């Protein structure tokens, strides 16, 4: 039977009418079990859109690291921080060095959690004319010093990398800026797409640059494989080719997200990352980020932002966080922890 004139328009109209009757996705999903479609709350989306301000992190104000022995840790870092106007403070299981508006906190643990095997590290600025002598002093004290480079535009020259007594990787960055202690914080992730969403869309970092996506980056990896470019090992991969059975050098995909005077480097790792349980939101190692916003503003923003790499028909992609006073604790999907210090 042939379609009657106007039949298609009638069907389209009916489909639209039925669609309008279906429930819509809502940000109130936890109230309804946390998945699927739920009844729309009239006006809720409009109110949310007008009241949530974007996150504004202005600097990395510190790091919190595990330490097996606080006395040995202080002796090691004293050589690095010798030129800094700062103060040490020890209380219970914690040792803190504070200089200006930045600090390093060490928490004593019998089994320190580090992610050194995948390249997680903290880079500290030291006087340019003292970098070599600091490295020599650390080597004379028994530490192994490696001379490598990384891929941020500011890191093209070789510099010193050394493990502290607990296995945390320390990078020394030659600088003439005595006001900043922490140059950058570097983390490995298992999903670079989600990493970009977390650090750029979620934390609102500004992209400095990418690495690992261009032909020039692949050629640099080839020079590294021939021993002609002393890159840090976590910045390159040498997977075995299934076809030739030979190593196939490739650059690790990386993004660099800037927060004020410092940045967070994020690399796609080929190493296994032992992730803590999902409910853990406050752990170590972690970087401390600073904002002039209030805790209420930060919480409202984190509750509203979505960082799913795909378009979902349900409310997913939330950033899990927990507020404690003026601090908000959170983590990325690969188990890298952060603390946001807010204005009181």
C-alpha atoms as a PDB file:
ATOM      1  CA  UNK A   1       0.000   0.000   0.000  1.00  0.00           C
ATOM      2  CA  UNK A   2       1.365   3.362  -1.006  1.00  0.00           C
ATOM      3  CA  UNK A   3       1.995   6.038   1.615  1.00  0.00           C
ATOM      4  CA  UNK A   4      -0.723   8.600   1.879  1.00  0.00           C
ATOM      5  CA  UNK A   5       0.208  12.233   1.164  1.00  0.00           C
ATOM      6  CA  UNK A   6       1.609  13.877   4.255  1.00  0.00           C
ATOM      7  CA  UNK A   7       2.109  10.528   6.009  1.00  0.00           C
ATOM      8  CA  UNK A   8       5.822  11.134   6.592  1.00  0.00           C
ATOM      9  CA  UNK A   9       5.184  14.526   8.187  1.00  0.00           C
ATOM     10  CA  UNK A  10       2.546  13.013  10.476  1.00  0.00           C
ATOM     11  CA  UNK A  11       4.957  10.294  11.625  1.00  0.00           C
ATOM     12  CA  UNK A  12       7.709  12.846  12.266  1.00  0.00           C
ATOM     13  CA  UNK A  13       5.343  14.959  14.330  1.00  0.00           C
ATOM     14  CA  UNK A  14       4.251  11.971  16.401  1.00  0.00           C
ATOM     15  CA  UNK A  15       7.879  10.930  17.010  1.00  0.00           C
ATOM     16  CA  UNK A  16       8.711  14.418  18.217  1.00  0.00           C
ATOM     17  CA  UNK A  17       5.705  14.425  20.529  1.00  0.00           C
ATOM     18  CA  UNK A  18       6.730  11.070  22.028  1.00  0.00           C
ATOM     19  CA  UNK A  19      10.332  12.296  22.452  1.00  0.00           C
ATOM     20  CA  UNK A  20       9.130  15.299  24.423  1.00  0.00           C
ATOM     21  CA  UNK A  21       7.368  12.955  26.836  1.00  0.00           C
ATOM     22  CA  UNK A  22      10.576  11.010  27.624  1.00  0.00           C
ATOM     23  CA  UNK A  23      12.533  11.926  30.767  1.00  0.00           C
ATOM     24  CA  UNK A  24      15.736  13.908  30.257  1.00  0.00           C
ATOM     25  CA  UNK A  25      19.224  13.383  31.733  1.00  0.00           C
ATOM     26  CA  UNK A  26      19.792  15.260  34.975  1.00  0.00           C
ATOM     27  CA  UNK A  27      22.734  16.129  37.202  1.00  0.00           C
ATOM     28  CA  UNK A  28      20.682  14.888  40.160  1.00  0.00           C
ATOM     29  CA  UNK A  29      21.408  11.258  39.277  1.00  0.00           C
ATOM     30  CA  UNK A  30      22.785  10.151  42.659  1.00  0.00           C
ATOM     31  CA  UNK A  31      19.318  10.758  44.062  1.00  0.00           C
ATOM     32  CA  UNK A  32      17.944   8.201  41.636  1.00  0.00           C
ATOM     33  CA  UNK A  33      20.613   5.522  41.923  1.00  0.00           C
ATOM     34  CA  UNK A  34      23.395   7.118  39.899  1.00  0.00           C
ATOM     35  CA  UNK A  35      22.569   5.942  36.382  1.00  0.00           C
ATOM     36  CA  UNK A  36      20.017   5.999  33.589  1.00  0.00           C
ATOM     37  CA  UNK A  37      17.371   8.641  32.932  1.00  0.00           C
ATOM     38  CA  UNK A  38      15.659  10.474  35.747  1.00  0.00           C
ATOM     39  CA  UNK A  39      12.879  13.057  35.939  1.00  0.00           C
ATOM     40  CA  UNK A  40      13.956  16.553  34.999  1.00  0.00           C
ATOM     41  CA  UNK A  41      13.970  19.151  37.751  1.00  0.00           C
ATOM     42  CA  UNK A  42      12.568  22.310  36.120  1.00  0.00           C
ATOM     43  CA  UNK A  43      14.964  25.215  36.122  1.00  0.00           C
ATOM     44  CA  UNK A  44      17.842  23.335  37.776  1.00  0.00           C
ATOM     45  CA  UNK A  45      20.118  23.477  34.737  1.00  0.00           C
ATOM     46  CA  UNK A  46      19.541  27.189  34.255  1.00  0.00           C
ATOM     47  CA  UNK A  47      20.350  27.948  37.887  1.00  0.00           C
ATOM     48  CA  UNK A  48      23.503  25.847  37.793  1.00  0.00           C
ATOM     49  CA  UNK A  49      24.773  27.468  34.613  1.00  0.00           C
ATOM     50  CA  UNK A  50      24.552  30.938  36.093  1.00  0.00           C
ATOM     51  CA  UNK A  51      26.089  30.216  39.494  1.00  0.00           C
ATOM     52  CA  UNK A  52      29.175  28.058  38.827  1.00  0.00           C
ATOM     53  CA  UNK A  53      32.446  29.897  38.183  1.00  0.00           C
ATOM     54  CA  UNK A  54      35.337  28.127  36.408  1.00  0.00           C
ATOM     55  CA  UNK A  55      38.242  26.854  38.477  1.00  0.00           C
ATOM     56  CA  UNK A  56      41.178  29.286  38.710  1.00  0.00           C
ATOM     57  CA  UNK A  57      44.372  27.614  39.997  1.00  0.00           C
ATOM     58  CA  UNK A  58      47.225  30.110  40.132  1.00  0.00           C
ATOM     59  CA  UNK A  59      50.230  28.002  41.190  1.00  0.00           C
ATOM     60  CA  UNK A  60      51.658  24.786  42.558  1.00  0.00           C
ATOM     61  CA  UNK A  61      52.177  25.664  46.213  1.00  0.00           C
ATOM     62  CA  UNK A  62      53.724  22.396  47.395  1.00  0.00           C
ATOM     63  CA  UNK A  63      54.104  18.639  47.282  1.00  0.00           C
ATOM     64  CA  UNK A  64      53.545  15.877  49.831  1.00  0.00           C
ATOM     65  CA  UNK A  65      55.884  12.878  49.566  1.00  0.00           C
ATOM     66  CA  UNK A  66      56.507   9.691  51.532  1.00  0.00           C
ATOM     67  CA  UNK A  67      59.805   9.271  53.409  1.00  0.00           C
ATOM     68  CA  UNK A  68      61.229   6.196  55.078  1.00  0.00           C
ATOM     69  CA  UNK A  69      63.632   8.122  57.337  1.00  0.00           C
ATOM     70  CA  UNK A  70      63.022  11.795  58.096  1.00  0.00           C
ATOM     71  CA  UNK A  71      66.596  12.476  59.260  1.00  0.00           C
ATOM     72  CA  UNK A  72      68.103  10.998  56.086  1.00  0.00           C
ATOM     73  CA  UNK A  73      65.544  12.883  53.996  1.00  0.00           C
ATOM     74  CA  UNK A  74      66.446  16.199  55.602  1.00  0.00           C
ATOM     75  CA  UNK A  75      70.146  15.586  55.074  1.00  0.00           C
ATOM     76  CA  UNK A  76      69.591  14.801  51.392  1.00  0.00           C
ATOM     77  CA  UNK A  77      67.394  17.808  50.619  1.00  0.00           C
ATOM     78  CA  UNK A  78      69.564  20.193  52.664  1.00  0.00           C
ATOM     79  CA  UNK A  79      72.158  20.062  49.874  1.00  0.00           C
ATOM     80  CA  UNK A  80      69.511  21.017  47.298  1.00  0.00           C
ATOM     81  CA  UNK A  81      67.864  23.724  49.401  1.00  0.00           C
ATOM     82  CA  UNK A  82      71.061  25.253  50.759  1.00  0.00           C
ATOM     83  CA  UNK A  83      70.578  28.526  48.854  1.00  0.00           C
ATOM     84  CA  UNK A  84      66.936  28.912  49.897  1.00  0.00           C
ATOM     85  CA  UNK A  85      65.651  31.215  52.590  1.00  0.00           C
ATOM     86  CA  UNK A  86      63.365  28.794  54.356  1.00  0.00           C
ATOM     87  CA  UNK A  87      62.751  26.830  57.513  1.00  0.00           C
ATOM     88  CA  UNK A  88      62.439  23.173  58.497  1.00  0.00           C
ATOM     89  CA  UNK A  89      59.768  22.029  60.908  1.00  0.00           C
ATOM     90  CA  UNK A  90      59.289  18.503  62.249  1.00  0.00           C
ATOM     91  CA  UNK A  91      56.249  17.324  64.188  1.00  0.00           C
ATOM     92  CA  UNK A  92      55.396  13.687  64.764  1.00  0.00           C
ATOM     93  CA  UNK A  93      55.553  11.791  61.490  1.00  0.00           C
ATOM     94  CA  UNK A  94      55.860  14.933  59.352  1.00  0.00           C
ATOM     95  CA  UNK A  95      58.817  16.982  58.168  1.00  0.00           C
ATOM     96  CA  UNK A  96      58.180  20.231  56.274  1.00  0.00           C
ATOM     97  CA  UNK A  97      60.410  22.710  54.491  1.00  0.00           C
ATOM     98  CA  UNK A  98      58.748  26.067  53.783  1.00  0.00           C
ATOM     99  CA  UNK A  99      60.132  28.860  51.633  1.00  0.00           C
ATOM    100  CA  UNK A 100      58.016  31.813  50.589  1.00  0.00           C
ATOM    101  CA  UNK A 101      54.584  30.499  49.601  1.00  0.00           C
ATOM    102  CA  UNK A 102      55.776  26.992  48.662  1.00  0.00           C
ATOM    103  CA  UNK A 103      56.560  23.938  50.757  1.00  0.00           C
ATOM    104  CA  UNK A 104      57.679  20.324  50.648  1.00  0.00           C
ATOM    105  CA  UNK A 105      56.042  17.958  53.136  1.00  0.00           C
ATOM    106  CA  UNK A 106      57.411  14.521  53.968  1.00  0.00           C
ATOM    107  CA  UNK A 107      55.310  11.890  55.724  1.00  0.00           C
ATOM    108  CA  UNK A 108      57.181   9.045  57.433  1.00  0.00           C
ATOM    109  CA  UNK A 109      56.053   5.634  56.185  1.00  0.00           C
ATOM    110  CA  UNK A 110      57.850   2.284  56.459  1.00  0.00           C
ATOM    111  CA  UNK A 111      57.022   1.526  52.813  1.00  0.00           C
ATOM    112  CA  UNK A 112      57.014   4.796  50.854  1.00  0.00           C
ATOM    113  CA  UNK A 113      54.664   4.961  47.895  1.00  0.00           C
ATOM    114  CA  UNK A 114      56.521   6.267  44.867  1.00  0.00           C
ATOM    115  CA  UNK A 115      55.785   5.938  41.165  1.00  0.00           C
ATOM    116  CA  UNK A 116      59.415   6.279  40.153  1.00  0.00           C
ATOM    117  CA  UNK A 117      59.304   3.253  37.835  1.00  0.00           C
ATOM    118  CA  UNK A 118      56.941   5.253  35.579  1.00  0.00           C
ATOM    119  CA  UNK A 119      58.771   8.577  35.879  1.00  0.00           C
ATOM    120  CA  UNK A 120      56.700  10.458  38.459  1.00  0.00           C
ATOM    121  CA  UNK A 121      58.931  13.207  39.860  1.00  0.00           C
ATOM    122  CA  UNK A 122      59.215  16.724  41.251  1.00  0.00           C
ATOM    123  CA  UNK A 123      61.494  19.304  39.630  1.00  0.00           C
ATOM    124  CA  UNK A 124      63.100  21.899  41.905  1.00  0.00           C
ATOM    125  CA  UNK A 125      64.776  25.086  40.746  1.00  0.00           C
ATOM    126  CA  UNK A 126      68.360  25.648  41.878  1.00  0.00           C
ATOM    127  CA  UNK A 127      70.802  28.482  41.084  1.00  0.00           C
ATOM    128  CA  UNK A 128      72.146  27.995  37.569  1.00  0.00           C
ATOM    129  CA  UNK A 129      75.742  28.412  38.710  1.00  0.00           C
ATOM    130  CA  UNK A 130      75.293  25.819  41.473  1.00  0.00           C
ATOM    131  CA  UNK A 131      73.581  22.964  39.637  1.00  0.00           C
ATOM    132  CA  UNK A 132      76.769  21.063  38.849  1.00  0.00           C
ATOM    133  CA  UNK A 133      78.227  21.460  42.345  1.00  0.00           C
ATOM    134  CA  UNK A 134      74.954  20.295  43.946  1.00  0.00           C
ATOM    135  CA  UNK A 135      74.919  17.223  41.721  1.00  0.00           C
ATOM    136  CA  UNK A 136      78.552  16.481  42.575  1.00  0.00           C
ATOM    137  CA  UNK A 137      77.821  16.811  46.292  1.00  0.00           C
ATOM    138  CA  UNK A 138      74.904  14.377  46.031  1.00  0.00           C
ATOM    139  CA  UNK A 139      77.063  11.935  44.065  1.00  0.00           C
ATOM    140  CA  UNK A 140      79.844  12.189  46.666  1.00  0.00           C
ATOM    141  CA  UNK A 141      77.278  11.300  49.346  1.00  0.00           C
ATOM    142  CA  UNK A 142      76.449   8.077  47.504  1.00  0.00           C
ATOM    143  CA  UNK A 143      73.507   9.081  45.295  1.00  0.00           C
ATOM    144  CA  UNK A 144      73.471   8.041  41.647  1.00  0.00           C
ATOM    145  CA  UNK A 145      73.092  11.097  39.412  1.00  0.00           C
ATOM    146  CA  UNK A 146      71.750  10.718  35.856  1.00  0.00           C
ATOM    147  CA  UNK A 147      72.061  13.443  33.236  1.00  0.00           C
ATOM    148  CA  UNK A 148      68.962  13.450  31.019  1.00  0.00           C
ATOM    149  CA  UNK A 149      66.609  15.855  29.330  1.00  0.00           C
ATOM    150  CA  UNK A 150      62.841  15.959  28.822  1.00  0.00           C
ATOM    151  CA  UNK A 151      60.501  17.359  26.177  1.00  0.00           C
ATOM    152  CA  UNK A 152      59.032  20.592  27.499  1.00  0.00           C
ATOM    153  CA  UNK A 153      60.576  23.487  25.513  1.00  0.00           C
ATOM    154  CA  UNK A 154      62.326  24.681  28.690  1.00  0.00           C
ATOM    155  CA  UNK A 155      63.967  21.265  29.224  1.00  0.00           C
ATOM    156  CA  UNK A 156      65.958  20.659  26.079  1.00  0.00           C
ATOM    157  CA  UNK A 157      69.322  20.773  27.884  1.00  0.00           C
ATOM    158  CA  UNK A 158      70.705  17.952  30.025  1.00  0.00           C
ATOM    159  CA  UNK A 159      70.169  18.258  33.751  1.00  0.00           C
ATOM    160  CA  UNK A 160      70.568  16.162  36.886  1.00  0.00           C
ATOM    161  CA  UNK A 161      68.118  13.519  38.113  1.00  0.00           C
ATOM    162  CA  UNK A 162      68.643  11.700  41.390  1.00  0.00           C
ATOM    163  CA  UNK A 163      66.612   9.489  43.736  1.00  0.00           C
ATOM    164  CA  UNK A 164      66.099  10.694  47.308  1.00  0.00           C
ATOM    165  CA  UNK A 165      66.616   8.164  50.168  1.00  0.00           C
ATOM    166  CA  UNK A 166      63.025   6.906  49.790  1.00  0.00           C
ATOM    167  CA  UNK A 167      63.092   6.479  46.002  1.00  0.00           C
ATOM    168  CA  UNK A 168      61.353   9.709  44.969  1.00  0.00           C
ATOM    169  CA  UNK A 169      62.874  11.079  41.761  1.00  0.00           C
ATOM    170  CA  UNK A 170      64.271  14.597  42.098  1.00  0.00           C
ATOM    171  CA  UNK A 171      65.038  16.737  39.072  1.00  0.00           C
ATOM    172  CA  UNK A 172      67.258  19.796  39.372  1.00  0.00           C
ATOM    173  CA  UNK A 173      66.384  22.709  37.084  1.00  0.00           C
ATOM    174  CA  UNK A 174      68.913  25.508  36.567  1.00  0.00           C
ATOM    175  CA  UNK A 175      67.190  28.840  37.127  1.00  0.00           C
ATOM    176  CA  UNK A 176      67.897  32.464  37.954  1.00  0.00           C
ATOM    177  CA  UNK A 177      64.460  32.878  39.560  1.00  0.00           C
ATOM    178  CA  UNK A 178      64.983  32.536  43.290  1.00  0.00           C
ATOM    179  CA  UNK A 179      61.326  33.127  44.129  1.00  0.00           C
ATOM    180  CA  UNK A 180      60.015  29.785  42.795  1.00  0.00           C
ATOM    181  CA  UNK A 181      61.044  26.435  44.284  1.00  0.00           C
ATOM    182  CA  UNK A 182      58.881  23.910  42.401  1.00  0.00           C
ATOM    183  CA  UNK A 183      59.404  24.168  38.648  1.00  0.00           C
ATOM    184  CA  UNK A 184      57.012  21.363  37.693  1.00  0.00           C
ATOM    185  CA  UNK A 185      55.320  18.168  38.793  1.00  0.00           C
ATOM    186  CA  UNK A 186      55.348  15.168  36.443  1.00  0.00           C
ATOM    187  CA  UNK A 187      52.889  12.257  36.451  1.00  0.00           C
ATOM    188  CA  UNK A 188      52.303   9.096  34.393  1.00  0.00           C
ATOM    189  CA  UNK A 189      48.830   8.133  33.178  1.00  0.00           C
ATOM    190  CA  UNK A 190      47.371   5.076  31.480  1.00  0.00           C
ATOM    191  CA  UNK A 191      44.945   7.066  29.300  1.00  0.00           C
ATOM    192  CA  UNK A 192      46.307  10.266  27.750  1.00  0.00           C
ATOM    193  CA  UNK A 193      42.893  11.329  26.434  1.00  0.00           C
ATOM    194  CA  UNK A 194      41.357  11.178  29.874  1.00  0.00           C
ATOM    195  CA  UNK A 195      44.507  12.822  31.250  1.00  0.00           C
ATOM    196  CA  UNK A 196      44.020  15.799  28.959  1.00  0.00           C
ATOM    197  CA  UNK A 197      40.372  16.066  29.981  1.00  0.00           C
ATOM    198  CA  UNK A 198      41.257  15.927  33.685  1.00  0.00           C
ATOM    199  CA  UNK A 199      44.098  18.474  33.643  1.00  0.00           C
ATOM    200  CA  UNK A 200      42.839  20.846  30.953  1.00  0.00           C
ATOM    201  CA  UNK A 201      39.047  20.616  31.051  1.00  0.00           C
ATOM    202  CA  UNK A 202      38.755  19.592  34.710  1.00  0.00           C
ATOM    203  CA  UNK A 203      41.525  21.513  36.469  1.00  0.00           C
ATOM    204  CA  UNK A 204      41.486  24.275  33.848  1.00  0.00           C
ATOM    205  CA  UNK A 205      45.209  24.146  33.148  1.00  0.00           C
ATOM    206  CA  UNK A 206      46.536  26.024  30.123  1.00  0.00           C
ATOM    207  CA  UNK A 207      48.265  23.934  27.486  1.00  0.00           C
ATOM    208  CA  UNK A 208      51.940  24.858  27.168  1.00  0.00           C
ATOM    209  CA  UNK A 209      52.609  22.284  24.474  1.00  0.00           C
ATOM    210  CA  UNK A 210      52.135  18.680  23.368  1.00  0.00           C
ATOM    211  CA  UNK A 211      54.788  16.091  22.538  1.00  0.00           C
ATOM    212  CA  UNK A 212      54.740  12.706  20.819  1.00  0.00           C
ATOM    213  CA  UNK A 213      52.264  13.448  18.022  1.00  0.00           C
ATOM    214  CA  UNK A 214      54.531  14.766  15.269  1.00  0.00           C
ATOM    215  CA  UNK A 215      56.934  13.158  12.816  1.00  0.00           C
ATOM    216  CA  UNK A 216      59.744  15.197  14.397  1.00  0.00           C
ATOM    217  CA  UNK A 217      58.974  13.556  17.748  1.00  0.00           C
ATOM    218  CA  UNK A 218      59.248  10.086  16.225  1.00  0.00           C
ATOM    219  CA  UNK A 219      62.625  10.998  14.708  1.00  0.00           C
ATOM    220  CA  UNK A 220      63.814  12.145  18.144  1.00  0.00           C
ATOM    221  CA  UNK A 221      62.825   8.735  19.542  1.00  0.00           C
ATOM    222  CA  UNK A 222      64.890   7.074  16.839  1.00  0.00           C
ATOM    223  CA  UNK A 223      67.943   9.143  17.804  1.00  0.00           C
ATOM    224  CA  UNK A 224      67.357   8.137  21.427  1.00  0.00           C
ATOM    225  CA  UNK A 225      67.311   4.437  20.451  1.00  0.00           C
ATOM    226  CA  UNK A 226      70.731   4.858  18.804  1.00  0.00           C
ATOM    227  CA  UNK A 227      72.185   6.436  21.939  1.00  0.00           C
ATOM    228  CA  UNK A 228      72.422   9.885  20.362  1.00  0.00           C
ATOM    229  CA  UNK A 229      69.913  11.672  22.614  1.00  0.00           C
ATOM    230  CA  UNK A 230      69.994  11.262  26.410  1.00  0.00           C
ATOM    231  CA  UNK A 231      66.271  11.532  27.106  1.00  0.00           C
ATOM    232  CA  UNK A 232      64.700  10.548  30.415  1.00  0.00           C
ATOM    233  CA  UNK A 233      63.627   6.910  29.973  1.00  0.00           C
ATOM    234  CA  UNK A 234      59.936   7.544  30.731  1.00  0.00           C
ATOM    235  CA  UNK A 235      59.692   9.897  27.731  1.00  0.00           C
ATOM    236  CA  UNK A 236      60.424   7.146  25.185  1.00  0.00           C
ATOM    237  CA  UNK A 237      59.204   3.607  24.464  1.00  0.00           C
ATOM    238  CA  UNK A 238      60.871   0.686  22.713  1.00  0.00           C
ATOM    239  CA  UNK A 239      58.085  -1.806  22.111  1.00  0.00           C
ATOM    240  CA  UNK A 240      58.994  -4.971  20.222  1.00  0.00           C
ATOM    241  CA  UNK A 241      57.570  -5.074  16.700  1.00  0.00           C
ATOM    242  CA  UNK A 242      55.382  -8.125  16.076  1.00  0.00           C
ATOM    243  CA  UNK A 243      56.451  -8.050  12.425  1.00  0.00           C
ATOM    244  CA  UNK A 244      60.235  -7.596  12.676  1.00  0.00           C
ATOM    245  CA  UNK A 245      60.751  -8.732  16.305  1.00  0.00           C
ATOM    246  CA  UNK A 246      62.998  -5.680  16.697  1.00  0.00           C
ATOM    247  CA  UNK A 247      62.552  -2.736  19.079  1.00  0.00           C
ATOM    248  CA  UNK A 248      60.325  -0.012  17.648  1.00  0.00           C
ATOM    249  CA  UNK A 249      61.274   3.286  19.343  1.00  0.00           C
ATOM    250  CA  UNK A 250      58.381   5.698  19.805  1.00  0.00           C
ATOM    251  CA  UNK A 251      57.907   8.916  21.774  1.00  0.00           C
ATOM    252  CA  UNK A 252      55.617   8.831  24.793  1.00  0.00           C
ATOM    253  CA  UNK A 253      52.584  11.039  24.230  1.00  0.00           C
ATOM    254  CA  UNK A 254      52.776  13.981  26.637  1.00  0.00           C
ATOM    255  CA  UNK A 255      50.872  17.131  27.507  1.00  0.00           C
ATOM    256  CA  UNK A 256      52.062  20.030  29.639  1.00  0.00           C
ATOM    257  CA  UNK A 257      49.413  21.928  31.601  1.00  0.00           C
ATOM    258  CA  UNK A 258      50.418  25.279  33.091  1.00  0.00           C
ATOM    259  CA  UNK A 259      49.235  26.595  36.437  1.00  0.00           C
ATOM    260  CA  UNK A 260      50.809  30.002  37.026  1.00  0.00           C
ATOM    261  CA  UNK A 261      54.604  29.856  37.287  1.00  0.00           C
ATOM    262  CA  UNK A 262      54.737  26.033  37.229  1.00  0.00           C
ATOM    263  CA  UNK A 263      53.269  23.248  35.132  1.00  0.00           C
ATOM    264  CA  UNK A 264      52.146  19.645  35.414  1.00  0.00           C
ATOM    265  CA  UNK A 265      53.681  17.267  32.885  1.00  0.00           C
ATOM    266  CA  UNK A 266      51.529  14.273  31.931  1.00  0.00           C
ATOM    267  CA  UNK A 267      52.915  11.260  30.069  1.00  0.00           C
ATOM    268  CA  UNK A 268      51.277   8.166  28.636  1.00  0.00           C
ATOM    269  CA  UNK A 269      53.156   5.359  30.355  1.00  0.00           C
ATOM    270  CA  UNK A 270      53.758   1.825  29.225  1.00  0.00           C
ATOM    271  CA  UNK A 271      54.324   0.766  32.820  1.00  0.00           C
ATOM    272  CA  UNK A 272      51.733  -0.781  35.086  1.00  0.00           C
ATOM    273  CA  UNK A 273      50.421   1.699  37.639  1.00  0.00           C
ATOM    274  CA  UNK A 274      49.332   0.103  40.930  1.00  0.00           C
ATOM    275  CA  UNK A 275      46.256   2.216  41.653  1.00  0.00           C
ATOM    276  CA  UNK A 276      44.929   2.668  45.193  1.00  0.00           C
ATOM    277  CA  UNK A 277      41.251   1.848  45.803  1.00  0.00           C
ATOM    278  CA  UNK A 278      38.854   4.265  44.105  1.00  0.00           C
ATOM    279  CA  UNK A 279      37.548   5.581  47.410  1.00  0.00           C
ATOM    280  CA  UNK A 280      41.034   6.892  48.292  1.00  0.00           C
ATOM    281  CA  UNK A 281      41.085  10.620  47.506  1.00  0.00           C
ATOM    282  CA  UNK A 282      43.730  11.845  49.971  1.00  0.00           C
ATOM    283  CA  UNK A 283      47.027  10.014  49.568  1.00  0.00           C
ATOM    284  CA  UNK A 284      50.648  10.422  48.532  1.00  0.00           C
ATOM    285  CA  UNK A 285      52.506  11.416  46.512  1.00  0.00           C
ATOM    286  CA  UNK A 286      50.395  14.482  45.750  1.00  0.00           C
ATOM    287  CA  UNK A 287      50.813  18.015  44.468  1.00  0.00           C
ATOM    288  CA  UNK A 288      49.249  20.971  46.277  1.00  0.00           C
ATOM    289  CA  UNK A 289      47.530  23.457  43.969  1.00  0.00           C
ATOM    290  CA  UNK A 290      46.500  26.927  45.103  1.00  0.00           C
ATOM    291  CA  UNK A 291      43.481  29.055  44.249  1.00  0.00           C
ATOM    292  CA  UNK A 292      42.153  32.372  45.535  1.00  0.00           C
ATOM    293  CA  UNK A 293      38.631  30.954  45.267  1.00  0.00           C
ATOM    294  CA  UNK A 294      36.647  29.793  48.280  1.00  0.00           C
ATOM    295  CA  UNK A 295      36.143  26.080  49.035  1.00  0.00           C
ATOM    296  CA  UNK A 296      32.449  26.474  48.204  1.00  0.00           C
ATOM    297  CA  UNK A 297      33.279  27.836  44.732  1.00  0.00           C
ATOM    298  CA  UNK A 298      35.741  25.009  44.050  1.00  0.00           C
ATOM    299  CA  UNK A 299      33.291  22.331  45.218  1.00  0.00           C
ATOM    300  CA  UNK A 300      30.487  23.821  43.105  1.00  0.00           C
ATOM    301  CA  UNK A 301      32.728  23.794  40.047  1.00  0.00           C
ATOM    302  CA  UNK A 302      33.990  20.230  40.533  1.00  0.00           C
ATOM    303  CA  UNK A 303      30.437  18.998  41.069  1.00  0.00           C
ATOM    304  CA  UNK A 304      29.340  20.548  37.783  1.00  0.00           C
ATOM    305  CA  UNK A 305      32.195  19.684  35.427  1.00  0.00           C
ATOM    306  CA  UNK A 306      32.083  16.545  33.254  1.00  0.00           C
ATOM    307  CA  UNK A 307      35.198  15.054  31.638  1.00  0.00           C
ATOM    308  CA  UNK A 308      33.944  11.983  29.802  1.00  0.00           C
ATOM    309  CA  UNK A 309      35.777  11.468  26.464  1.00  0.00           C
ATOM    310  CA  UNK A 310      32.524  10.283  24.849  1.00  0.00           C
ATOM    311  CA  UNK A 311      29.000  11.625  24.693  1.00  0.00           C
ATOM    312  CA  UNK A 312      26.973   9.775  27.294  1.00  0.00           C
ATOM    313  CA  UNK A 313      23.223   9.282  27.601  1.00  0.00           C
ATOM    314  CA  UNK A 314      23.598   9.249  31.357  1.00  0.00           C
ATOM    315  CA  UNK A 315      25.350  11.494  33.818  1.00  0.00           C
ATOM    316  CA  UNK A 316      28.969  10.296  33.819  1.00  0.00           C
ATOM    317  CA  UNK A 317      32.471  11.725  33.782  1.00  0.00           C
ATOM    318  CA  UNK A 318      32.340  13.268  37.247  1.00  0.00           C
ATOM    319  CA  UNK A 319      35.504  14.162  39.152  1.00  0.00           C
ATOM    320  CA  UNK A 320      35.465  12.527  42.583  1.00  0.00           C
ATOM    321  CA  UNK A 321      36.592  14.826  45.392  1.00  0.00           C
ATOM    322  CA  UNK A 322      36.346  15.424  49.122  1.00  0.00           C
ATOM    323  CA  UNK A 323      36.432  18.692  51.031  1.00  0.00           C
ATOM    324  CA  UNK A 324      38.210  19.071  54.368  1.00  0.00           C
ATOM    325  CA  UNK A 325      38.009  22.630  55.658  1.00  0.00           C
ATOM    326  CA  UNK A 326      39.738  24.922  53.160  1.00  0.00           C
ATOM    327  CA  UNK A 327      41.204  22.017  51.188  1.00  0.00           C
ATOM    328  CA  UNK A 328      39.709  19.837  48.466  1.00  0.00           C
ATOM    329  CA  UNK A 329      41.252  16.438  47.691  1.00  0.00           C
ATOM    330  CA  UNK A 330      40.929  14.637  44.366  1.00  0.00           C
ATOM    331  CA  UNK A 331      42.700  12.282  41.967  1.00  0.00           C
ATOM    332  CA  UNK A 332      42.861  11.424  38.303  1.00  0.00           C
ATOM    333  CA  UNK A 333      41.854   8.034  36.931  1.00  0.00           C
ATOM    334  CA  UNK A 334      45.438   6.711  37.062  1.00  0.00           C
ATOM    335  CA  UNK A 335      45.844   7.302  40.797  1.00  0.00           C
ATOM    336  CA  UNK A 336      47.689  10.652  40.819  1.00  0.00           C
ATOM    337  CA  UNK A 337      46.565  12.678  43.833  1.00  0.00           C
ATOM    338  CA  UNK A 338      46.057  16.434  44.201  1.00  0.00           C
ATOM    339  CA  UNK A 339      45.099  18.872  46.918  1.00  0.00           C
ATOM    340  CA  UNK A 340      43.545  22.251  46.148  1.00  0.00           C
ATOM    341  CA  UNK A 341      44.237  24.891  48.793  1.00  0.00           C
ATOM    342  CA  UNK A 342      41.447  27.464  48.829  1.00  0.00           C
ATOM    343  CA  UNK A 343      41.102  30.931  50.297  1.00  0.00           C
ATOM    344  CA  UNK A 344      39.524  30.927  53.742  1.00  0.00           C
END
